[in-house]
Every structure is written in C-alpha cells, then in structure tokens.
Protein backbone atom coordinates (compact mmCIF):
# COMPACT_ATOMS: atom_id res chain seq x y z
CA MET A 1 51.36 -6.96 174.64
CA PHE A 2 48.65 -7.85 177.12
CA GLY A 3 49.96 -11.18 177.44
CA ARG A 4 53.32 -9.88 178.35
CA ILE A 5 52.28 -7.42 180.69
CA ARG A 6 50.36 -9.91 182.70
CA ARG A 7 53.24 -12.36 182.55
CA ASP A 8 55.65 -9.68 183.87
CA LYS A 9 53.10 -9.01 186.82
CA ARG A 10 52.78 -12.47 187.77
CA LEU A 11 56.41 -13.40 187.56
CA GLU A 12 58.08 -9.99 188.66
CA ASN A 13 55.10 -8.48 190.77
CA ALA A 14 56.12 -5.28 188.74
CA SER A 15 54.23 -2.07 189.71
CA VAL A 16 51.72 -0.42 187.16
CA ARG A 17 54.30 2.45 186.92
CA GLU A 18 57.04 0.17 185.88
CA LEU A 19 54.93 -1.60 183.53
CA ALA A 20 54.08 1.59 181.87
CA ARG A 21 57.43 2.84 181.38
CA ARG A 22 58.72 -0.55 180.09
CA TYR A 23 55.94 -0.93 177.25
CA SER A 24 55.73 2.77 176.60
CA VAL A 25 52.05 2.93 177.42
CA HIS A 26 49.73 4.62 179.74
CA ARG A 27 48.78 3.30 183.05
CA ARG A 28 45.18 3.11 182.23
CA VAL A 29 46.32 0.43 179.47
CA ASP A 30 48.20 -1.79 182.15
CA ARG A 31 45.26 -1.69 184.47
CA GLN A 32 43.04 -2.75 181.19
CA ALA A 33 45.51 -5.63 180.83
CA LEU A 34 45.48 -6.61 184.36
CA ASP A 35 41.68 -6.72 184.41
CA SER A 36 41.12 -8.74 181.25
CA VAL A 37 43.05 -10.93 178.93
CA LEU A 38 41.41 -9.18 175.83
CA PRO A 39 41.73 -5.55 174.69
CA PRO A 40 38.56 -3.51 175.04
CA LYS A 41 36.76 -2.79 171.65
CA ARG A 42 37.86 0.33 170.04
CA LYS A 43 35.04 2.90 169.90
CA GLU A 44 33.35 3.11 166.32
CA PRO A 45 33.97 6.86 164.88
CA VAL A 46 30.70 8.62 164.59
CA THR A 47 30.37 9.56 161.25
CA ARG A 48 29.22 13.36 160.77
CA ARG A 49 25.87 13.39 158.61
CA SER A 50 26.44 15.06 155.32
CA ALA A 51 24.40 17.80 154.60
CA LEU A 52 23.78 16.04 151.27
CA ASP A 53 22.19 12.68 152.63
CA PRO A 54 18.81 13.70 152.05
CA ALA A 55 19.17 14.21 148.44
CA LYS A 56 21.45 11.25 147.45
CA GLY A 57 18.48 9.10 146.23
CA TRP A 58 17.52 12.06 143.74
CA ILE A 59 20.90 12.67 142.52
CA ASP A 60 21.69 9.00 141.86
CA GLU A 61 18.29 8.81 139.92
CA MET A 62 19.60 11.91 137.52
CA LEU A 63 22.75 9.99 137.02
CA ARG A 64 21.36 6.63 136.16
CA ALA A 65 18.83 8.27 133.46
CA ASP A 66 22.18 9.89 132.10
CA LEU A 67 23.43 6.24 130.99
CA THR A 68 20.72 6.16 128.37
CA ALA A 69 20.48 9.89 127.52
CA PRO A 70 22.01 11.38 124.39
CA PRO A 71 25.57 12.48 125.14
CA LYS A 72 24.95 16.25 124.61
CA GLN A 73 21.69 16.14 126.78
CA ARG A 74 23.20 14.91 130.17
CA HIS A 75 23.17 16.32 133.50
CA THR A 76 25.95 18.89 134.45
CA ASN A 77 26.75 19.63 138.13
CA LYS A 78 25.03 22.90 137.79
CA ARG A 79 21.88 21.46 136.03
CA ILE A 80 21.75 18.84 138.87
CA LEU A 81 21.88 21.71 141.72
CA ALA A 82 19.17 23.69 139.81
CA ARG A 83 16.71 20.62 139.84
CA LEU A 84 17.45 20.00 143.51
CA ARG A 85 16.49 23.53 144.10
CA ASP A 86 13.58 23.90 141.73
CA GLU A 87 11.95 20.26 141.86
CA TYR A 88 12.63 19.04 145.49
CA GLY A 89 13.10 22.47 147.46
CA PHE A 90 16.47 21.51 148.50
CA THR A 91 18.78 24.36 149.03
CA ALA A 92 20.88 23.00 152.03
CA VAL A 93 23.92 22.09 150.07
CA ALA A 94 26.67 23.94 148.69
CA TYR A 95 27.90 23.67 145.21
CA THR A 96 31.48 22.52 145.97
CA THR A 97 29.80 19.80 148.28
CA LEU A 98 27.91 18.38 145.33
CA ASN A 99 30.89 18.54 143.16
CA ASP A 100 32.91 16.53 145.50
CA TYR A 101 29.95 13.81 145.75
CA LEU A 102 29.60 13.78 142.00
CA ARG A 103 33.22 13.42 141.39
CA VAL A 104 32.87 10.06 143.18
CA ARG A 105 29.53 8.94 142.50
CA ARG A 106 29.22 9.52 138.73
CA PRO A 107 31.96 6.72 137.85
CA GLN A 108 30.50 4.43 140.49
CA ILE A 109 26.87 4.50 138.93
CA LYS A 110 28.49 3.65 135.55
CA ASP A 111 30.55 0.74 136.97
CA GLU A 112 27.42 -0.59 138.75
CA ALA A 113 25.40 -0.29 135.51
CA ASP A 114 28.18 -2.38 133.54
CA ARG A 115 28.38 -5.24 136.17
CA ALA A 116 24.62 -5.30 136.07
CA ARG A 117 24.80 -5.66 132.24
CA MET A 118 27.61 -8.43 132.45
CA LEU A 119 25.29 -10.57 134.74
CA HIS A 120 22.74 -10.75 131.81
CA GLU A 121 24.45 -10.60 128.46
CA GLY A 122 26.55 -13.73 127.45
CA MET A 123 28.93 -14.56 124.93
CA VAL A 124 28.41 -17.13 122.21
CA PRO A 125 31.52 -18.40 120.45
CA GLN A 126 31.18 -18.12 116.58
CA PHE A 127 31.14 -20.95 114.29
CA HIS A 128 32.39 -20.61 110.70
CA ARG A 129 32.65 -22.96 107.78
CA PRO A 130 35.56 -22.92 105.49
CA GLY A 131 35.14 -20.65 102.42
CA GLU A 132 31.97 -19.26 103.52
CA GLU A 133 32.57 -15.99 105.51
CA ALA A 134 34.99 -13.21 105.96
CA GLY A 135 35.16 -9.84 107.88
CA ILE A 136 36.07 -6.35 106.65
CA ASP A 137 37.43 -3.35 108.77
CA PHE A 138 39.11 -0.23 108.50
CA ALA A 139 42.40 0.50 110.43
CA GLU A 140 43.75 4.12 111.08
CA VAL A 141 47.65 4.19 109.96
CA TRP A 142 50.25 6.93 109.36
CA VAL A 143 52.75 7.02 106.35
CA ARG A 144 55.29 9.23 105.32
CA VAL A 145 54.53 9.86 101.68
CA ASP A 146 57.11 11.88 99.75
CA GLY A 147 58.59 12.95 103.13
CA LYS A 148 55.35 14.23 104.45
CA PRO A 149 53.18 12.63 107.14
CA LEU A 150 49.75 11.38 105.72
CA GLN A 151 46.85 9.91 107.89
CA CYS A 152 45.55 6.92 105.82
CA ARG A 153 43.00 4.05 106.22
CA MET A 154 44.10 0.40 105.83
CA PHE A 155 41.45 -1.72 104.59
CA THR A 156 41.56 -5.73 105.77
CA LEU A 157 39.68 -8.38 104.59
CA ARG A 158 40.09 -11.63 106.73
CA LEU A 159 38.50 -14.96 105.95
CA SER A 160 36.95 -16.11 109.34
CA TYR A 161 37.62 -19.77 109.16
CA PHE A 162 41.46 -20.12 108.81
CA GLY A 163 42.31 -16.30 109.11
CA LYS A 164 44.02 -15.47 105.94
CA ALA A 165 44.05 -11.78 105.37
CA VAL A 166 44.65 -9.11 102.80
CA HIS A 167 45.42 -5.56 103.51
CA ARG A 168 45.51 -2.30 101.56
CA VAL A 169 46.34 1.15 102.47
CA PHE A 170 44.38 3.93 100.92
CA SER A 171 44.48 7.94 101.25
CA THR A 172 40.59 7.73 102.41
CA ALA A 173 37.76 5.30 103.51
CA ALA A 174 35.53 6.56 100.80
CA GLN A 175 33.35 4.18 98.78
CA GLU A 176 36.03 3.79 95.87
CA ALA A 177 38.61 2.64 98.25
CA PHE A 178 36.07 0.48 99.88
CA MET A 179 35.42 -1.45 96.76
CA GLN A 180 38.89 -1.27 95.35
CA GLY A 181 39.94 -3.33 98.66
CA HIS A 182 37.53 -5.78 97.65
CA VAL A 183 38.62 -6.10 94.39
CA ASP A 184 42.14 -6.55 95.38
CA ALA A 185 41.38 -9.05 97.98
CA PHE A 186 39.13 -11.28 95.78
CA ARG A 187 42.00 -11.23 93.19
CA ILE A 188 44.64 -12.27 95.90
CA LEU A 189 42.34 -14.99 97.41
CA GLY A 190 41.34 -16.15 93.91
CA GLY A 191 37.69 -16.32 94.88
CA VAL A 192 34.82 -14.87 96.97
CA PRO A 193 32.97 -16.01 100.08
CA VAL A 194 30.13 -17.72 99.14
CA ARG A 195 27.86 -16.98 102.28
CA HIS A 196 28.33 -13.38 103.47
CA ILE A 197 31.00 -10.65 104.61
CA ARG A 198 30.59 -8.94 107.86
CA TYR A 199 30.71 -5.37 108.02
CA ASP A 200 30.24 -2.32 110.51
CA ASN A 201 27.67 0.19 109.34
CA LEU A 202 30.30 1.87 106.98
CA LYS A 203 29.01 4.82 105.12
CA PRO A 204 30.27 3.63 101.66
CA ALA A 205 27.83 0.64 101.99
CA VAL A 206 24.99 1.93 104.18
CA SER A 207 22.87 4.90 103.64
CA GLN A 208 20.44 4.28 106.71
CA VAL A 209 20.41 1.97 109.75
CA CYS A 210 16.70 0.84 110.55
CA PHE A 211 15.38 -1.34 113.22
CA GLY A 212 17.21 -4.71 113.99
CA ARG A 213 19.56 -5.68 111.20
CA SER A 214 17.50 -3.93 108.60
CA ARG A 215 19.87 -1.36 106.46
CA VAL A 216 19.17 0.96 103.50
CA GLU A 217 22.22 0.38 101.23
CA SER A 218 23.64 2.49 98.56
CA GLN A 219 22.71 1.66 95.10
CA ARG A 220 26.33 1.21 94.02
CA TRP A 221 27.03 -0.82 96.70
CA VAL A 222 24.13 -3.24 95.93
CA ALA A 223 25.35 -3.50 92.43
CA PHE A 224 28.86 -4.25 93.41
CA ARG A 225 27.61 -7.11 95.85
CA SER A 226 25.34 -8.50 93.15
CA HIS A 227 28.17 -8.49 90.61
CA TYR A 228 30.68 -10.68 92.87
CA GLY A 229 27.58 -12.85 94.31
CA PHE A 230 27.87 -12.42 98.06
CA ASP A 231 25.67 -11.24 100.81
CA ALA A 232 26.46 -8.43 103.43
CA PHE A 233 26.18 -9.19 107.09
CA TYR A 234 25.77 -5.86 109.17
CA CYS A 235 26.94 -6.00 113.04
CA ARG A 236 25.22 -4.05 115.80
CA PRO A 237 26.03 -0.28 115.82
CA GLY A 238 28.53 0.86 118.56
CA LYS A 239 31.08 -1.31 120.75
CA GLU A 240 28.76 -4.20 120.89
CA GLY A 241 29.12 -4.62 116.95
CA ALA A 242 32.80 -5.35 117.27
CA HIS A 243 32.10 -8.65 118.88
CA GLY A 244 30.39 -10.01 115.79
CA LYS A 245 33.66 -9.71 113.85
CA GLY A 246 36.36 -9.72 116.52
CA GLY A 247 38.87 -11.55 114.27
CA VAL A 248 39.28 -8.87 111.59
CA GLU A 249 38.93 -6.12 114.51
CA HIS A 250 42.22 -7.67 116.03
CA GLU A 251 43.78 -8.23 112.61
CA GLY A 252 44.20 -4.66 111.75
CA GLY A 253 45.95 -3.66 114.84
CA ARG A 254 48.11 -6.74 114.73
CA PHE A 255 49.23 -6.16 111.29
CA ARG A 256 50.04 -2.45 111.89
CA ARG A 257 51.95 -3.27 115.06
CA SER A 258 54.01 -5.76 113.31
CA HIS A 259 54.69 -4.50 110.12
CA LEU A 260 54.18 -0.66 109.91
CA VAL A 261 56.21 0.27 112.92
CA PRO A 262 58.06 2.65 112.55
CA VAL A 263 56.23 4.53 110.26
CA PRO A 264 56.81 3.51 106.71
CA GLU A 265 58.59 5.82 104.58
CA VAL A 266 57.69 5.73 100.74
CA ASP A 267 57.44 7.77 97.39
CA THR A 268 53.68 6.84 96.82
CA LEU A 269 50.94 4.58 98.53
CA ALA A 270 51.13 2.20 95.54
CA GLU A 271 54.65 1.38 96.56
CA LEU A 272 53.41 0.74 99.95
CA ASN A 273 50.86 -1.73 98.99
CA GLU A 274 53.51 -3.44 96.86
CA ARG A 275 55.55 -4.03 99.92
CA ILE A 276 52.48 -5.03 101.64
CA GLU A 277 51.49 -7.81 99.38
CA ARG A 278 54.93 -9.28 99.60
CA ILE A 279 54.67 -9.21 103.30
CA GLU A 280 51.22 -11.18 103.17
CA VAL A 281 53.17 -14.03 101.15
CA GLU A 282 55.82 -14.24 104.07
CA GLU A 283 52.83 -14.11 106.53
CA ASP A 284 51.76 -17.36 105.09
CA ALA A 285 54.16 -19.16 107.48
CA ARG A 286 52.79 -17.57 110.37
CA HIS A 287 50.78 -19.77 113.00
CA ILE A 288 47.68 -18.29 114.66
CA ASP A 289 46.64 -19.30 118.35
CA ASN A 290 49.53 -22.09 118.30
CA ARG A 291 47.86 -23.92 115.38
CA PRO A 292 49.74 -26.77 114.33
CA THR A 293 49.54 -25.75 110.86
CA SER A 294 50.47 -22.37 109.36
CA VAL A 295 48.08 -20.04 107.43
CA GLY A 296 49.35 -20.66 103.98
CA PHE A 297 48.71 -24.35 104.62
CA ASP A 298 45.20 -23.79 105.84
CA PHE A 299 44.40 -21.40 102.99
CA ALA A 300 45.44 -24.00 100.48
CA TYR A 301 42.71 -26.15 101.66
CA GLU A 302 40.13 -23.26 102.14
CA ALA A 303 40.86 -21.77 98.60
CA PRO A 304 39.02 -24.25 96.43
CA LEU A 305 35.92 -23.51 98.51
CA LEU A 306 35.68 -20.03 97.76
CA ALA A 307 33.27 -19.08 94.87
CA PRO A 308 35.01 -17.98 91.54
CA VAL A 309 35.65 -14.28 90.81
CA PRO A 310 33.68 -12.98 87.86
CA GLU A 311 35.60 -12.58 84.60
CA GLU A 312 34.27 -9.35 84.13
CA GLU A 313 35.57 -6.48 86.21
CA PHE A 314 33.19 -4.17 88.09
CA ASP A 315 33.99 -0.39 87.30
CA VAL A 316 34.68 0.72 90.92
CA GLY A 317 35.31 4.32 89.83
CA LEU A 318 32.89 6.99 90.88
CA THR A 319 31.56 8.61 87.69
CA LEU A 320 31.45 12.36 87.55
CA THR A 321 30.62 15.34 85.10
CA PRO A 322 32.70 18.26 85.61
CA ARG A 323 32.81 21.35 83.79
CA VAL A 324 36.20 22.89 82.40
CA ASP A 325 36.81 26.29 84.02
CA LYS A 326 38.29 29.12 82.04
CA THR A 327 41.74 28.24 83.64
CA SER A 328 41.50 24.78 81.94
CA ARG A 329 40.85 22.75 85.32
CA ILE A 330 38.22 20.57 86.81
CA THR A 331 37.03 20.52 90.39
CA VAL A 332 36.72 16.90 91.62
CA ARG A 333 35.98 16.40 95.46
CA GLN A 334 37.11 20.06 95.98
CA ASN A 335 40.62 19.45 94.26
CA LYS A 336 41.76 21.12 90.87
CA TYR A 337 43.27 19.06 88.28
CA SER A 338 44.52 20.31 84.92
CA VAL A 339 42.93 19.27 81.50
CA PRO A 340 44.00 20.21 77.72
CA ALA A 341 43.02 23.74 77.16
CA ARG A 342 40.94 22.73 73.99
CA PHE A 343 38.29 21.60 76.65
CA ILE A 344 37.50 24.89 78.25
CA GLY A 345 33.75 25.47 78.56
CA ARG A 346 33.08 21.69 77.97
CA THR A 347 31.69 18.80 80.17
CA VAL A 348 34.25 15.79 80.64
CA ARG A 349 33.53 12.58 82.31
CA VAL A 350 35.68 11.64 85.29
CA SER A 351 36.07 8.20 87.01
CA LEU A 352 37.14 8.56 90.24
CA ARG A 353 39.06 5.72 91.87
CA ALA A 354 40.83 5.10 95.12
CA ASP A 355 44.34 5.91 93.66
CA GLU A 356 43.66 7.95 90.39
CA VAL A 357 41.53 10.25 88.55
CA LEU A 358 40.67 9.37 84.82
CA VAL A 359 39.19 11.97 82.55
CA PHE A 360 37.58 10.83 79.64
CA ASP A 361 36.43 12.77 76.41
CA ALA A 362 33.76 10.42 75.29
CA THR A 363 35.73 7.16 75.16
CA ARG A 364 38.97 8.48 74.81
C-alpha cells in the first residue's frame, strides 16, 4: 500500500486528503508513506506483570515433584496455595489466578518431562529364534452368554518368531484360567517354547515383584512351569513393560476387532472357544506385515522346533475342601453348589477349573 500511495503522489500529485480517502486510511499513514518506503515498526505490546510471577518457580518445582510422587499424594491446587503462604510467605495471589496458571502449566510440565525422557531412552528391536519364545497376555472382551452380557478375559499365547497365536475366552483371569489357557495352547501348537515365555507381572504367576527382574512366584505356578519345561521372563511393571512383548499386546486387540465384533452371542463359553478354534485354523492363511508367506506356512517350519508336550497332563484345577452345610450345598469362591444330601456335614474335595467345578467323594 505504501508503494501505491507513493506512485499516486508521483504520477498524479494527489493530495494527502485524496490519498487517505482513496485507500481508506488516516492522513497520518499517507505522510508516513511519503516520508519512508517502509512502514514503521509496530509497537510491541507491554505485557502486564502477573502477581504470580515471583512464585512461578516454586510452583513448577512442586509440579515436577508430583511426576514421581504416589498418585494419591500429589499437590492439589489448595495445597500449593497453602505451601506458598506457609513456606514462602507469598500471599499476593488469588486462588482463581493460581487455578488459571495450573490449568495450563501442569500439562506443560508433564510434556516437558516426557520429551526429556524420549531423548535419553532408546528402543532396540527384539530378535527371536524360531521355536524359542512366546508371549502371554489377557485382553478384555464382552460376550453375550445365554442372552446376558458378560465381561470376560481372552487369553492369548503368541509365538514370537512367526506370530502363530492361540486364543481362549474365560470368565475370569484367575490362576485356573491362566493355566488352562497354556494347556490348550500347547495342545494346539503341539509343543512348548524351548527357551522362555514373556509375561506381565500377573497375579496368577507372581506373588511379589522384587528388585530388577526378580519375582516371588506362586508354588503351583512353579510346579506348572517345571512340568512343561519352560522358563518365565517377566517384563517391567507399568506401560514400559508392554514394549517387552509388543507382539502379543497387539494380537489380542487385533483378534478382538477382527472376529469378536459385533459382540458374539453364544449359549456357553465352550461354544465360543470352539468357534475361535475354527477361526484360528482359517487364520493360518493370514499374512503378517506383508510377508510373502502365510502364518500357517511359517508355523509348519517352526512347529518341529518346539519342545514336545509331556504325555502326563498337569492337573490345573485348584484343590479345595469345603464342608457341606445343612442345606446340602458347598461354598466355592463365594458361590453355592448343590451336592447329594447324604454328604451333609461331611467334607468333600473340590477341583476348581477354568470352566467347571468337580466335586469328589474320595476318588469318585
């Protein structure tokens, strides 16, 4: 615009008033254009100093300390205001002003910490040998059983090298279901990984998480591993541990989206698992990550490299000894089950499994 004003003045000798009317500007702008080819710099706005400025450093320290503090012992807005008053003698700010600052600054502190951690943490691609490793995970899945919605857990075992996977749906993720999922997977695969299987720190296996990768395992779980002859590799707790077994973490969600949408309707979970087993046979034709060969073709190479399954089966049932009450019922995991009336007052043996409850009188 300054160039056009100067051009009109040079060629037409237009007056300042005429130029102001022609370009819809103030006459002061016309004079600035005639005096200089460049417009004057805009005045920088003077930001008003906030009453909170002297305390921002203290507040940021509290927010950074919260990043490593227990979730239930982190600073609330009122606690920050109280500490500013009691520890630093700072009372020149209103509670609403502090809220406005924390609403913006708290997520910024978290993002800064995440970016700093990304600069120091690296990712190393995992290398797996065929037949040596697998990963285990549970995924949440909803099923409509006998017309009623039921929240279940889907057990997934995935071989790490070629990606062959086995899935089973159970009503819970208890130790019985955890072990039964292994038994079914070993049966379908026809073998056991010869090195180890990767796990989260699941309660059915781990009683206590110690320093590093040391774990206190439950006795039944140790006996189960010893029977089938494989070792357990426990990933780090929290989200960081998901990177240690990323293949099976993705597999549960992929299978759920591909084959359990919409919500399956079945009469029993056994019927659903039979359907899943047929789906797994069909999935042998699937290709992973644009590989030239299918899952089934690759597994045919990996299957002979697995360790053989022991001929003797491991009893995955949890043994309990409830007493039959006067109503001819026993209590197993807070559920009531009927038994013949002739056992009233006696103690019976129960084998609690993932999908059934077996009651024994001696060996019958």
